[in-house]
PDB file of N, CA and C in Angstrom:
ATOM      1  N   GLN A   1       0.635  -1.239  -0.191  1.00  0.00           N
ATOM      2  CA  GLN A   1       0.091  -0.075  -0.059  1.00  0.00           C
ATOM      3  C   GLN A   1       1.008   1.329   0.025  1.00  0.00           C
ATOM      4  N   VAL A   2       0.591   2.223  -0.831  1.00  0.00           N
ATOM      5  CA  VAL A   2       0.929   3.317  -1.194  1.00  0.00           C
ATOM      6  C   VAL A   2       1.105   4.734  -0.023  1.00  0.00           C
ATOM      7  N   GLN A   3       1.980   5.414   0.356  1.00  0.00           N
ATOM      8  CA  GLN A   3       1.212   5.625   1.761  1.00  0.00           C
ATOM      9  C   GLN A   3       2.148   7.474   1.218  1.00  0.00           C
ATOM     10  N   LEU A   4       1.364   8.593   1.175  1.00  0.00           N
ATOM     11  CA  LEU A   4       1.560   9.563   1.085  1.00  0.00           C
ATOM     12  C   LEU A   4       1.419  10.753   2.535  1.00  0.00           C
ATOM     13  N   VAL A   5       2.567  11.247   2.901  1.00  0.00           N
ATOM     14  CA  VAL A   5       2.286  12.171   3.967  1.00  0.00           C
ATOM     15  C   VAL A   5       2.814  13.165   3.808  1.00  0.00           C
ATOM     16  N   GLU A   6       1.891  14.587   3.936  1.00  0.00           N
ATOM     17  CA  GLU A   6       1.817  15.610   3.611  1.00  0.00           C
ATOM     18  C   GLU A   6       2.546  16.451   5.343  1.00  0.00           C
ATOM     19  N   SER A   7       3.086  17.277   4.792  1.00  0.00           N
ATOM     20  CA  SER A   7       3.854  18.235   6.484  1.00  0.00           C
ATOM     21  C   SER A   7       3.907  19.461   5.612  1.00  0.00           C
ATOM     22  N   GLY A   8       3.726  20.525   6.463  1.00  0.00           N
ATOM     23  CA  GLY A   8       4.166  21.893   6.440  1.00  0.00           C
ATOM     24  C   GLY A   8       3.321  23.008   6.495  1.00  0.00           C
ATOM     25  N   GLY A   9       2.054  22.525   7.125  1.00  0.00           N
ATOM     26  CA  GLY A   9       0.445  23.566   6.813  1.00  0.00           C
ATOM     27  C   GLY A   9       0.869  24.246   8.108  1.00  0.00           C
ATOM     28  N   GLY A  10      -0.088  24.976   8.600  1.00  0.00           N
ATOM     29  CA  GLY A  10       0.515  25.815   9.782  1.00  0.00           C
ATOM     30  C   GLY A  10      -0.720  26.987   9.362  1.00  0.00           C
ATOM     31  N   LEU A  11      -0.411  27.820  10.692  1.00  0.00           N
ATOM     32  CA  LEU A  11      -1.131  29.024  10.765  1.00  0.00           C
ATOM     33  C   LEU A  11      -0.527  30.369  10.429  1.00  0.00           C
ATOM     34  N   VAL A  12      -0.742  31.063   9.261  1.00  0.00           N
ATOM     35  CA  VAL A  12       0.126  31.977   9.001  1.00  0.00           C
ATOM     36  C   VAL A  12      -0.757  33.539   8.456  1.00  0.00           C
ATOM     37  N   GLN A  13      -0.073  34.797   8.220  1.00  0.00           N
ATOM     38  CA  GLN A  13      -0.776  35.805   8.041  1.00  0.00           C
ATOM     39  C   GLN A  13      -0.607  36.151   6.548  1.00  0.00           C
ATOM     40  N   ALA A  14      -1.968  36.772   6.228  1.00  0.00           N
ATOM     41  CA  ALA A  14      -2.120  36.870   4.687  1.00  0.00           C
ATOM     42  C   ALA A  14      -0.787  38.002   4.901  1.00  0.00           C
ATOM     43  N   GLY A  15      -0.049  37.591   3.135  1.00  0.00           N
ATOM     44  CA  GLY A  15       1.145  37.826   2.678  1.00  0.00           C
ATOM     45  C   GLY A  15       2.378  37.292   3.173  1.00  0.00           C
ATOM     46  N   GLY A  16       2.150  36.026   3.815  1.00  0.00           N
ATOM     47  CA  GLY A  16       3.164  35.248   4.147  1.00  0.00           C
ATOM     48  C   GLY A  16       3.486  34.188   3.500  1.00  0.00           C
ATOM     49  N   SER A  17       4.208  33.006   3.678  1.00  0.00           N
ATOM     50  CA  SER A  17       4.729  32.162   2.787  1.00  0.00           C
ATOM     51  C   SER A  17       4.814  30.864   3.422  1.00  0.00           C
ATOM     52  N   LEU A  18       4.438  29.439   2.956  1.00  0.00           N
ATOM     53  CA  LEU A  18       4.410  28.158   3.419  1.00  0.00           C
ATOM     54  C   LEU A  18       5.412  27.334   2.449  1.00  0.00           C
ATOM     55  N   ARG A  19       5.457  26.309   2.774  1.00  0.00           N
ATOM     56  CA  ARG A  19       6.033  25.276   1.786  1.00  0.00           C
ATOM     57  C   ARG A  19       5.275  23.956   1.960  1.00  0.00           C
ATOM     58  N   LEU A  20       4.775  23.471   1.660  1.00  0.00           N
ATOM     59  CA  LEU A  20       4.031  21.813   1.907  1.00  0.00           C
ATOM     60  C   LEU A  20       4.625  21.427   1.386  1.00  0.00           C
ATOM     61  N   SER A  21       5.064  19.769   2.119  1.00  0.00           N
ATOM     62  CA  SER A  21       5.901  18.548   0.964  1.00  0.00           C
ATOM     63  C   SER A  21       4.753  17.353   1.558  1.00  0.00           C
ATOM     64  N   CYS A  22       4.680  16.559   0.601  1.00  0.00           N
ATOM     65  CA  CYS A  22       4.952  15.378   0.527  1.00  0.00           C
ATOM     66  C   CYS A  22       5.479  14.529   0.426  1.00  0.00           C
ATOM     67  N   ALA A  23       5.600  13.272   1.046  1.00  0.00           N
ATOM     68  CA  ALA A  23       6.697  12.273   1.173  1.00  0.00           C
ATOM     69  C   ALA A  23       5.766  11.095   0.959  1.00  0.00           C
ATOM     70  N   ALA A  24       6.288  10.218  -0.024  1.00  0.00           N
ATOM     71  CA  ALA A  24       6.094   8.977  -0.866  1.00  0.00           C
ATOM     72  C   ALA A  24       6.559   7.989  -0.354  1.00  0.00           C
ATOM     73  N   SER A  25       5.999   6.979  -0.017  1.00  0.00           N
ATOM     74  CA  SER A  25       6.698   5.104  -0.038  1.00  0.00           C
ATOM     75  C   SER A  25       6.732   4.504  -1.047  1.00  0.00           C
ATOM     76  N   ARG A  26       6.762   5.595  -2.247  1.00  0.00           N
ATOM     77  CA  ARG A  26       7.055   4.856  -3.604  1.00  0.00           C
ATOM     78  C   ARG A  26       7.764   5.446  -4.426  1.00  0.00           C
ATOM     79  N   SER A  27       8.925   5.204  -5.451  1.00  0.00           N
ATOM     80  CA  SER A  27       9.545   5.966  -5.990  1.00  0.00           C
ATOM     81  C   SER A  27       9.033   6.682  -6.696  1.00  0.00           C
ATOM     82  N   THR A  28       8.966   8.446  -6.759  1.00  0.00           N
ATOM     83  CA  THR A  28       8.070   9.081  -7.872  1.00  0.00           C
ATOM     84  C   THR A  28       8.441   9.483  -8.962  1.00  0.00           C
ATOM     85  N   ILE A  29       9.647   8.638  -9.638  1.00  0.00           N
ATOM     86  CA  ILE A  29      10.304   8.589 -10.612  1.00  0.00           C
ATOM     87  C   ILE A  29       9.425   8.031 -12.155  1.00  0.00           C
ATOM     88  N   THR A  30       8.464   7.341 -11.822  1.00  0.00           N
ATOM     89  CA  THR A  30       7.573   6.586 -12.630  1.00  0.00           C
ATOM     90  C   THR A  30       5.923   6.990 -12.225  1.00  0.00           C
ATOM     91  N   ALA A  31       5.817   7.924 -11.556  1.00  0.00           N
ATOM     92  CA  ALA A  31       4.398   8.789 -11.656  1.00  0.00           C
ATOM     93  C   ALA A  31       4.087   9.335 -12.519  1.00  0.00           C
ATOM     94  N   ASN A  32       2.933   9.047 -12.911  1.00  0.00           N
ATOM     95  CA  ASN A  32       2.290   9.984 -14.401  1.00  0.00           C
ATOM     96  C   ASN A  32       1.564  11.168 -13.982  1.00  0.00           C
ATOM     97  N   ALA A  33       0.813  11.412 -12.816  1.00  0.00           N
ATOM     98  CA  ALA A  33       0.540  12.467 -12.661  1.00  0.00           C
ATOM     99  C   ALA A  33       1.043  13.001 -10.842  1.00  0.00           C
ATOM    100  N   ILE A  34       1.142  14.352 -10.518  1.00  0.00           N
ATOM    101  CA  ILE A  34       1.548  14.290  -9.771  1.00  0.00           C
ATOM    102  C   ILE A  34       0.607  15.654  -9.209  1.00  0.00           C
ATOM    103  N   GLY A  35      -0.378  15.903  -8.136  1.00  0.00           N
ATOM    104  CA  GLY A  35      -0.880  17.549  -8.338  1.00  0.00           C
ATOM    105  C   GLY A  35      -1.155  17.639  -6.407  1.00  0.00           C
ATOM    106  N   TRP A  36      -1.320  18.878  -6.405  1.00  0.00           N
ATOM    107  CA  TRP A  36      -2.177  19.349  -5.069  1.00  0.00           C
ATOM    108  C   TRP A  36      -3.363  19.867  -5.361  1.00  0.00           C
ATOM    109  N   HIS A  37      -3.747  19.156  -4.207  1.00  0.00           N
ATOM    110  CA  HIS A  37      -5.696  19.733  -4.442  1.00  0.00           C
ATOM    111  C   HIS A  37      -6.060  20.297  -2.796  1.00  0.00           C
ATOM    112  N   ARG A  38      -7.216  21.070  -3.069  1.00  0.00           N
ATOM    113  CA  ARG A  38      -7.541  21.608  -1.849  1.00  0.00           C
ATOM    114  C   ARG A  38      -9.181  21.651  -1.602  1.00  0.00           C
ATOM    115  N   GLN A  39      -9.447  21.740  -0.477  1.00  0.00           N
ATOM    116  CA  GLN A  39     -10.506  21.387  -0.124  1.00  0.00           C
ATOM    117  C   GLN A  39     -11.388  22.588   1.345  1.00  0.00           C
ATOM    118  N   ALA A  40     -11.661  23.829   0.825  1.00  0.00           N
ATOM    119  CA  ALA A  40     -12.306  24.829   1.752  1.00  0.00           C
ATOM    120  C   ALA A  40     -13.353  24.127   2.367  1.00  0.00           C
ATOM    121  N   PRO A  41     -14.068  24.492   4.157  1.00  0.00           N
ATOM    122  CA  PRO A  41     -15.077  24.247   4.789  1.00  0.00           C
ATOM    123  C   PRO A  41     -16.049  24.782   3.616  1.00  0.00           C
ATOM    124  N   GLY A  42     -17.202  23.674   3.415  1.00  0.00           N
ATOM    125  CA  GLY A  42     -18.535  23.835   2.454  1.00  0.00           C
ATOM    126  C   GLY A  42     -18.311  23.974   1.233  1.00  0.00           C
ATOM    127  N   LYS A  43     -16.761  23.773   0.822  1.00  0.00           N
ATOM    128  CA  LYS A  43     -16.691  23.685  -0.831  1.00  0.00           C
ATOM    129  C   LYS A  43     -16.050  22.176  -1.033  1.00  0.00           C
ATOM    130  N   HIS A  44     -16.081  22.381  -2.534  1.00  0.00           N
ATOM    131  CA  HIS A  44     -15.281  21.131  -3.511  1.00  0.00           C
ATOM    132  C   HIS A  44     -13.817  20.514  -3.556  1.00  0.00           C
ATOM    133  N   ARG A  45     -13.647  19.831  -3.489  1.00  0.00           N
ATOM    134  CA  ARG A  45     -11.908  19.383  -3.495  1.00  0.00           C
ATOM    135  C   ARG A  45     -11.734  20.265  -4.977  1.00  0.00           C
ATOM    136  N   GLU A  46     -10.778  21.112  -5.017  1.00  0.00           N
ATOM    137  CA  GLU A  46     -10.205  21.790  -5.991  1.00  0.00           C
ATOM    138  C   GLU A  46      -8.651  21.368  -6.249  1.00  0.00           C
ATOM    139  N   LEU A  47      -8.631  21.424  -8.035  1.00  0.00           N
ATOM    140  CA  LEU A  47      -7.021  21.594  -7.956  1.00  0.00           C
ATOM    141  C   LEU A  47      -6.218  22.514  -7.770  1.00  0.00           C
ATOM    142  N   VAL A  48      -5.215  22.265  -7.444  1.00  0.00           N
ATOM    143  CA  VAL A  48      -4.363  23.811  -7.153  1.00  0.00           C
ATOM    144  C   VAL A  48      -3.135  24.078  -7.987  1.00  0.00           C
ATOM    145  N   ALA A  49      -2.580  22.538  -8.206  1.00  0.00           N
ATOM    146  CA  ALA A  49      -1.568  22.443  -9.097  1.00  0.00           C
ATOM    147  C   ALA A  49      -1.142  21.176  -9.485  1.00  0.00           C
ATOM    148  N   ALA A  50      -0.918  20.705 -10.718  1.00  0.00           N
ATOM    149  CA  ALA A  50      -0.692  19.269 -11.269  1.00  0.00           C
ATOM    150  C   ALA A  50       0.554  18.962 -12.102  1.00  0.00           C
ATOM    151  N   ILE A  51       1.223  18.541 -11.824  1.00  0.00           N
ATOM    152  CA  ILE A  51       2.724  18.010 -12.878  1.00  0.00           C
ATOM    153  C   ILE A  51       2.455  16.885 -13.816  1.00  0.00           C
ATOM    154  N   SER A  52       1.843  16.661 -15.405  1.00  0.00           N
ATOM    155  CA  SER A  52       1.635  15.964 -15.906  1.00  0.00           C
ATOM    156  C   SER A  52       2.758  14.868 -16.217  1.00  0.00           C
ATOM    157  N   SER A  53       2.438  13.906 -16.845  1.00  0.00           N
ATOM    158  CA  SER A  53       3.396  12.592 -16.981  1.00  0.00           C
ATOM    159  C   SER A  53       4.434  12.926 -18.201  1.00  0.00           C
ATOM    160  N   GLY A  54       4.024  14.482 -18.816  1.00  0.00           N
ATOM    161  CA  GLY A  54       5.048  15.172 -20.044  1.00  0.00           C
ATOM    162  C   GLY A  54       6.012  16.217 -19.413  1.00  0.00           C
ATOM    163  N   GLY A  55       5.810  16.305 -18.119  1.00  0.00           N
ATOM    164  CA  GLY A  55       6.456  17.280 -17.316  1.00  0.00           C
ATOM    165  C   GLY A  55       5.858  18.938 -17.728  1.00  0.00           C
ATOM    166  N   SER A  56       4.519  18.983 -18.459  1.00  0.00           N
ATOM    167  CA  SER A  56       4.018  20.396 -18.409  1.00  0.00           C
ATOM    168  C   SER A  56       3.335  20.697 -16.692  1.00  0.00           C
ATOM    169  N   ILE A  57       3.179  21.710 -16.628  1.00  0.00           N
ATOM    170  CA  ILE A  57       2.569  21.851 -15.246  1.00  0.00           C
ATOM    171  C   ILE A  57       1.542  22.942 -15.262  1.00  0.00           C
ATOM    172  N   ASN A  58       0.302  22.809 -14.867  1.00  0.00           N
ATOM    173  CA  ASN A  58      -0.808  23.465 -14.752  1.00  0.00           C
ATOM    174  C   ASN A  58      -1.078  24.307 -13.202  1.00  0.00           C
ATOM    175  N   TYR A  59      -1.542  25.337 -12.990  1.00  0.00           N
ATOM    176  CA  TYR A  59      -2.232  25.851 -11.653  1.00  0.00           C
ATOM    177  C   TYR A  59      -3.443  26.191 -11.893  1.00  0.00           C
ATOM    178  N   ASN A  60      -4.082  26.291 -10.547  1.00  0.00           N
ATOM    179  CA  ASN A  60      -5.464  27.035 -10.576  1.00  0.00           C
ATOM    180  C   ASN A  60      -5.186  28.347 -11.318  1.00  0.00           C
ATOM    181  N   ASP A  61      -6.107  28.893 -11.824  1.00  0.00           N
ATOM    182  CA  ASP A  61      -5.929  30.441 -12.043  1.00  0.00           C
ATOM    183  C   ASP A  61      -5.762  31.157 -10.548  1.00  0.00           C
ATOM    184  N   SER A  62      -6.629  31.131  -9.728  1.00  0.00           N
ATOM    185  CA  SER A  62      -6.120  31.644  -8.736  1.00  0.00           C
ATOM    186  C   SER A  62      -4.718  31.547  -7.876  1.00  0.00           C
ATOM    187  N   VAL A  63      -3.982  30.640  -8.346  1.00  0.00           N
ATOM    188  CA  VAL A  63      -3.045  31.042  -7.574  1.00  0.00           C
ATOM    189  C   VAL A  63      -1.776  30.474  -8.039  1.00  0.00           C
ATOM    190  N   LYS A  64      -2.022  30.838  -9.960  1.00  0.00           N
ATOM    191  CA  LYS A  64      -1.070  31.382 -10.893  1.00  0.00           C
ATOM    192  C   LYS A  64      -0.263  33.054 -10.218  1.00  0.00           C
ATOM    193  N   GLY A  65       0.642  32.356 -10.309  1.00  0.00           N
ATOM    194  CA  GLY A  65       2.543  33.695  -9.675  1.00  0.00           C
ATOM    195  C   GLY A  65       2.187  33.848  -8.347  1.00  0.00           C
ATOM    196  N   ARG A  66       1.626  32.668  -7.589  1.00  0.00           N
ATOM    197  CA  ARG A  66       1.892  32.571  -6.117  1.00  0.00           C
ATOM    198  C   ARG A  66       2.704  31.462  -5.564  1.00  0.00           C
ATOM    199  N   PHE A  67       1.972  30.118  -5.973  1.00  0.00           N
ATOM    200  CA  PHE A  67       2.230  28.729  -5.995  1.00  0.00           C
ATOM    201  C   PHE A  67       2.936  28.309  -6.653  1.00  0.00           C
ATOM    202  N   THR A  68       4.135  27.600  -6.562  1.00  0.00           N
ATOM    203  CA  THR A  68       5.106  26.586  -7.174  1.00  0.00           C
ATOM    204  C   THR A  68       5.269  25.574  -6.910  1.00  0.00           C
ATOM    205  N   ILE A  69       4.819  24.268  -7.589  1.00  0.00           N
ATOM    206  CA  ILE A  69       4.710  23.052  -7.514  1.00  0.00           C
ATOM    207  C   ILE A  69       6.020  22.238  -8.110  1.00  0.00           C
ATOM    208  N   SER A  70       6.446  21.297  -7.338  1.00  0.00           N
ATOM    209  CA  SER A  70       8.299  20.975  -7.612  1.00  0.00           C
ATOM    210  C   SER A  70       8.080  19.631  -7.048  1.00  0.00           C
ATOM    211  N   ARG A  71       8.806  18.574  -7.579  1.00  0.00           N
ATOM    212  CA  ARG A  71       9.168  17.474  -7.673  1.00  0.00           C
ATOM    213  C   ARG A  71      10.782  17.124  -7.234  1.00  0.00           C
ATOM    214  N   ASP A  72      10.801  15.837  -6.034  1.00  0.00           N
ATOM    215  CA  ASP A  72      12.133  15.884  -6.291  1.00  0.00           C
ATOM    216  C   ASP A  72      12.292  14.107  -6.399  1.00  0.00           C
ATOM    217  N   ASN A  73      12.686  13.583  -7.174  1.00  0.00           N
ATOM    218  CA  ASN A  73      12.304  12.573  -7.669  1.00  0.00           C
ATOM    219  C   ASN A  73      13.452  11.580  -6.973  1.00  0.00           C
ATOM    220  N   ALA A  74      14.780  12.367  -6.188  1.00  0.00           N
ATOM    221  CA  ALA A  74      15.307  11.385  -5.527  1.00  0.00           C
ATOM    222  C   ALA A  74      15.375  11.227  -3.803  1.00  0.00           C
ATOM    223  N   LYS A  75      14.229  11.950  -3.808  1.00  0.00           N
ATOM    224  CA  LYS A  75      13.871  11.867  -2.455  1.00  0.00           C
ATOM    225  C   LYS A  75      12.577  11.723  -2.367  1.00  0.00           C
ATOM    226  N   ASN A  76      11.862  11.278  -3.695  1.00  0.00           N
ATOM    227  CA  ASN A  76      10.331  10.834  -3.398  1.00  0.00           C
ATOM    228  C   ASN A  76       9.585  11.737  -2.993  1.00  0.00           C
ATOM    229  N   MET A  77      10.004  13.408  -3.194  1.00  0.00           N
ATOM    230  CA  MET A  77       9.058  14.490  -2.806  1.00  0.00           C
ATOM    231  C   MET A  77       8.275  14.780  -3.499  1.00  0.00           C
ATOM    232  N   VAL A  78       7.704  15.764  -3.085  1.00  0.00           N
ATOM    233  CA  VAL A  78       6.473  16.919  -3.647  1.00  0.00           C
ATOM    234  C   VAL A  78       6.334  18.052  -3.035  1.00  0.00           C
ATOM    235  N   TYR A  79       6.352  18.783  -3.605  1.00  0.00           N
ATOM    236  CA  TYR A  79       6.580  19.862  -2.847  1.00  0.00           C
ATOM    237  C   TYR A  79       5.568  21.283  -3.528  1.00  0.00           C
ATOM    238  N   LEU A  80       4.837  21.822  -2.572  1.00  0.00           N
ATOM    239  CA  LEU A  80       4.249  23.162  -2.890  1.00  0.00           C
ATOM    240  C   LEU A  80       4.566  24.497  -2.254  1.00  0.00           C
ATOM    241  N   GLN A  81       5.291  25.716  -2.806  1.00  0.00           N
ATOM    242  CA  GLN A  81       5.902  26.463  -2.362  1.00  0.00           C
ATOM    243  C   GLN A  81       4.716  27.752  -2.729  1.00  0.00           C
ATOM    244  N   MET A  82       4.305  28.273  -1.480  1.00  0.00           N
ATOM    245  CA  MET A  82       3.264  29.096  -1.557  1.00  0.00           C
ATOM    246  C   MET A  82       3.364  30.357  -0.808  1.00  0.00           C
ATOM    247  N   ASN A  83       3.242  31.605  -1.931  1.00  0.00           N
ATOM    248  CA  ASN A  83       4.067  32.953  -1.361  1.00  0.00           C
ATOM    249  C   ASN A  83       2.701  33.679  -1.457  1.00  0.00           C
ATOM    250  N   SER A  84       2.739  34.910  -1.207  1.00  0.00           N
ATOM    251  CA  SER A  84       1.597  36.155  -0.841  1.00  0.00           C
ATOM    252  C   SER A  84       0.164  35.518  -0.754  1.00  0.00           C
ATOM    253  N   LEU A  85       0.093  34.671   0.625  1.00  0.00           N
ATOM    254  CA  LEU A  85      -0.860  33.767   0.840  1.00  0.00           C
ATOM    255  C   LEU A  85      -2.228  34.705   1.020  1.00  0.00           C
ATOM    256  N   LYS A  86      -3.293  34.615   1.041  1.00  0.00           N
ATOM    257  CA  LYS A  86      -4.435  34.922   0.897  1.00  0.00           C
ATOM    258  C   LYS A  86      -5.388  34.356   1.651  1.00  0.00           C
ATOM    259  N   PRO A  87      -6.452  34.751   2.993  1.00  0.00           N
ATOM    260  CA  PRO A  87      -7.261  34.348   3.630  1.00  0.00           C
ATOM    261  C   PRO A  87      -7.990  33.377   2.641  1.00  0.00           C
ATOM    262  N   GLU A  88      -8.709  33.692   1.557  1.00  0.00           N
ATOM    263  CA  GLU A  88      -8.875  32.754   0.677  1.00  0.00           C
ATOM    264  C   GLU A  88      -8.280  31.283   0.366  1.00  0.00           C
ATOM    265  N   ASP A  89      -6.971  31.268   0.205  1.00  0.00           N
ATOM    266  CA  ASP A  89      -6.183  30.625   0.258  1.00  0.00           C
ATOM    267  C   ASP A  89      -6.384  29.082   1.559  1.00  0.00           C
ATOM    268  N   THR A  90      -7.605  29.376   2.648  1.00  0.00           N
ATOM    269  CA  THR A  90      -7.381  28.898   3.725  1.00  0.00           C
ATOM    270  C   THR A  90      -8.547  27.282   3.275  1.00  0.00           C
ATOM    271  N   ALA A  91      -7.531  26.421   3.646  1.00  0.00           N
ATOM    272  CA  ALA A  91      -8.327  25.049   3.309  1.00  0.00           C
ATOM    273  C   ALA A  91      -7.423  23.881   3.691  1.00  0.00           C
ATOM    274  N   VAL A  92      -8.135  22.592   3.593  1.00  0.00           N
ATOM    275  CA  VAL A  92      -6.937  21.496   3.770  1.00  0.00           C
ATOM    276  C   VAL A  92      -6.538  20.912   2.109  1.00  0.00           C
ATOM    277  N   TYR A  93      -5.078  21.098   2.785  1.00  0.00           N
ATOM    278  CA  TYR A  93      -4.146  20.973   1.345  1.00  0.00           C
ATOM    279  C   TYR A  93      -4.138  18.660   1.112  1.00  0.00           C
ATOM    280  N   TYR A  94      -4.073  19.153  -0.273  1.00  0.00           N
ATOM    281  CA  TYR A  94      -3.672  16.910  -0.186  1.00  0.00           C
ATOM    282  C   TYR A  94      -2.919  17.025  -1.534  1.00  0.00           C
ATOM    283  N   CYS A  95      -2.341  16.393  -1.200  1.00  0.00           N
ATOM    284  CA  CYS A  95      -1.149  15.492  -1.856  1.00  0.00           C
ATOM    285  C   CYS A  95      -1.950  14.651  -3.058  1.00  0.00           C
ATOM    286  N   TYR A  96      -1.399  14.247  -4.373  1.00  0.00           N
ATOM    287  CA  TYR A  96      -2.012  13.103  -5.338  1.00  0.00           C
ATOM    288  C   TYR A  96      -1.194  12.386  -5.995  1.00  0.00           C
ATOM    289  N   ILE A  97      -1.224  11.112  -6.221  1.00  0.00           N
ATOM    290  CA  ILE A  97       0.085  10.763  -6.985  1.00  0.00           C
ATOM    291  C   ILE A  97      -0.569   9.542  -7.533  1.00  0.00           C
ATOM    292  N   ARG A  98      -0.391   9.509  -9.333  1.00  0.00           N
ATOM    293  CA  ARG A  98      -0.453   8.205  -9.536  1.00  0.00           C
ATOM    294  C   ARG A  98       0.510   7.711 -10.374  1.00  0.00           C
ATOM    295  N   TRP A  99       0.416   6.514 -10.504  1.00  0.00           N
ATOM    296  CA  TRP A  99       1.604   5.612 -11.454  1.00  0.00           C
ATOM    297  C   TRP A  99       1.390   4.667 -12.539  1.00  0.00           C
ATOM    298  N   SER A 100       1.480   4.851 -12.955  1.00  0.00           N
ATOM    299  CA  SER A 100       0.977   4.841 -14.514  1.00  0.00           C
ATOM    300  C   SER A 100       0.503   3.050 -14.653  1.00  0.00           C
ATOM    301  N   TRP A 101       0.640   2.340 -13.468  1.00  0.00           N
ATOM    302  CA  TRP A 101      -0.156   0.966 -13.977  1.00  0.00           C
ATOM    303  C   TRP A 101      -0.898   0.784 -12.549  1.00  0.00           C
ATOM    304  N   ASP A 102      -1.323   1.828 -12.232  1.00  0.00           N
ATOM    305  CA  ASP A 102      -2.160   1.852 -11.167  1.00  0.00           C
ATOM    306  C   ASP A 102      -3.971   2.100 -11.929  1.00  0.00           C
ATOM    307  N   ARG A 103      -4.772   1.549 -11.429  1.00  0.00           N
ATOM    308  CA  ARG A 103      -5.865   2.325 -12.042  1.00  0.00           C
ATOM    309  C   ARG A 103      -6.279   3.669 -11.147  1.00  0.00           C
ATOM    310  N   ASP A 104      -6.104   3.638 -10.278  1.00  0.00           N
ATOM    311  CA  ASP A 104      -6.645   5.135  -9.597  1.00  0.00           C
ATOM    312  C   ASP A 104      -5.516   5.300  -8.307  1.00  0.00           C
ATOM    313  N   GLY A 105      -4.820   6.955  -8.270  1.00  0.00           N
ATOM    314  CA  GLY A 105      -3.995   7.096  -8.136  1.00  0.00           C
ATOM    315  C   GLY A 105      -4.435   7.612  -6.013  1.00  0.00           C
ATOM    316  N   TYR A 106      -3.654   7.596  -5.786  1.00  0.00           N
ATOM    317  CA  TYR A 106      -3.804   8.030  -3.805  1.00  0.00           C
ATOM    318  C   TYR A 106      -3.801   9.210  -3.526  1.00  0.00           C
ATOM    319  N   TRP A 107      -4.151   8.940  -2.119  1.00  0.00           N
ATOM    320  CA  TRP A 107      -3.803  10.849  -1.715  1.00  0.00           C
ATOM    321  C   TRP A 107      -3.596  10.467  -0.375  1.00  0.00           C
ATOM    322  N   GLY A 108      -2.667  11.827   0.187  1.00  0.00           N
ATOM    323  CA  GLY A 108      -2.570  11.700   1.146  1.00  0.00           C
ATOM    324  C   GLY A 108      -3.267  12.486   2.382  1.00  0.00           C
ATOM    325  N   GLN A 109      -3.121  12.466   3.448  1.00  0.00           N
ATOM    326  CA  GLN A 109      -4.336  12.591   4.772  1.00  0.00           C
ATOM    327  C   GLN A 109      -4.575  14.063   5.007  1.00  0.00           C
ATOM    328  N   GLY A 110      -3.880  14.876   4.308  1.00  0.00           N
ATOM    329  CA  GLY A 110      -4.337  15.832   3.904  1.00  0.00           C
ATOM    330  C   GLY A 110      -3.202  17.384   5.285  1.00  0.00           C
ATOM    331  N   THR A 111      -3.101  18.396   5.139  1.00  0.00           N
ATOM    332  CA  THR A 111      -2.559  19.373   5.831  1.00  0.00           C
ATOM    333  C   THR A 111      -3.089  20.402   5.768  1.00  0.00           C
ATOM    334  N   GLN A 112      -3.534  21.070   7.109  1.00  0.00           N
ATOM    335  CA  GLN A 112      -4.467  22.025   7.244  1.00  0.00           C
ATOM    336  C   GLN A 112      -3.914  23.517   7.069  1.00  0.00           C
ATOM    337  N   VAL A 113      -4.228  24.006   6.142  1.00  0.00           N
ATOM    338  CA  VAL A 113      -3.259  25.681   5.839  1.00  0.00           C
ATOM    339  C   VAL A 113      -4.194  26.676   6.487  1.00  0.00           C
ATOM    340  N   THR A 114      -4.395  27.510   7.443  1.00  0.00           N
ATOM    341  CA  THR A 114      -4.909  27.995   7.526  1.00  0.00           C
ATOM    342  C   THR A 114      -4.224  30.034   8.191  1.00  0.00           C
ATOM    343  N   VAL A 115      -4.531  30.858   6.907  1.00  0.00           N
ATOM    344  CA  VAL A 115      -4.178  32.152   6.460  1.00  0.00           C
ATOM    345  C   VAL A 115      -4.951  33.331   7.092  1.00  0.00           C
ATOM    346  N   SER A 116      -4.729  34.225   8.022  1.00  0.00           N
ATOM    347  CA  SER A 116      -5.605  35.218   9.056  1.00  0.00           C
ATOM    348  C   SER A 116      -5.322  36.596   7.954  1.00  0.00           C
ATOM    349  N   SER A 117      -6.166  37.664   8.231  1.00  0.00           N
ATOM    350  CA  SER A 117      -5.904  38.553   7.559  1.00  0.00           C
ATOM    351  C   SER A 117      -5.964  39.728   8.122  1.00  0.00           C
TER     352      SER A 117
END
């Protein structure tokens, strides 16, 4: 069973920064989809940022220019650097990784990000 463990969440003032980390128990070299999603209270889970199998990166329009997704295959880690945080970024953030031979991907347990105004 693959495990994804997020860390790095917390409470930060508006304008501040946080770096989320996701540690995978399986090598990420062969992952063909990597992403960060978030879910705010009372809202559906939404995609924040993703890296496709071809290496292209996509961001939710609301975080473009502020958030950066990256991966370190040597460490089996995925990161989300979040700058210029806004109160509307408050949510539980989830790491998602799918490997080509799996029908479904895997989710982490989530990490809370709270941005105060």
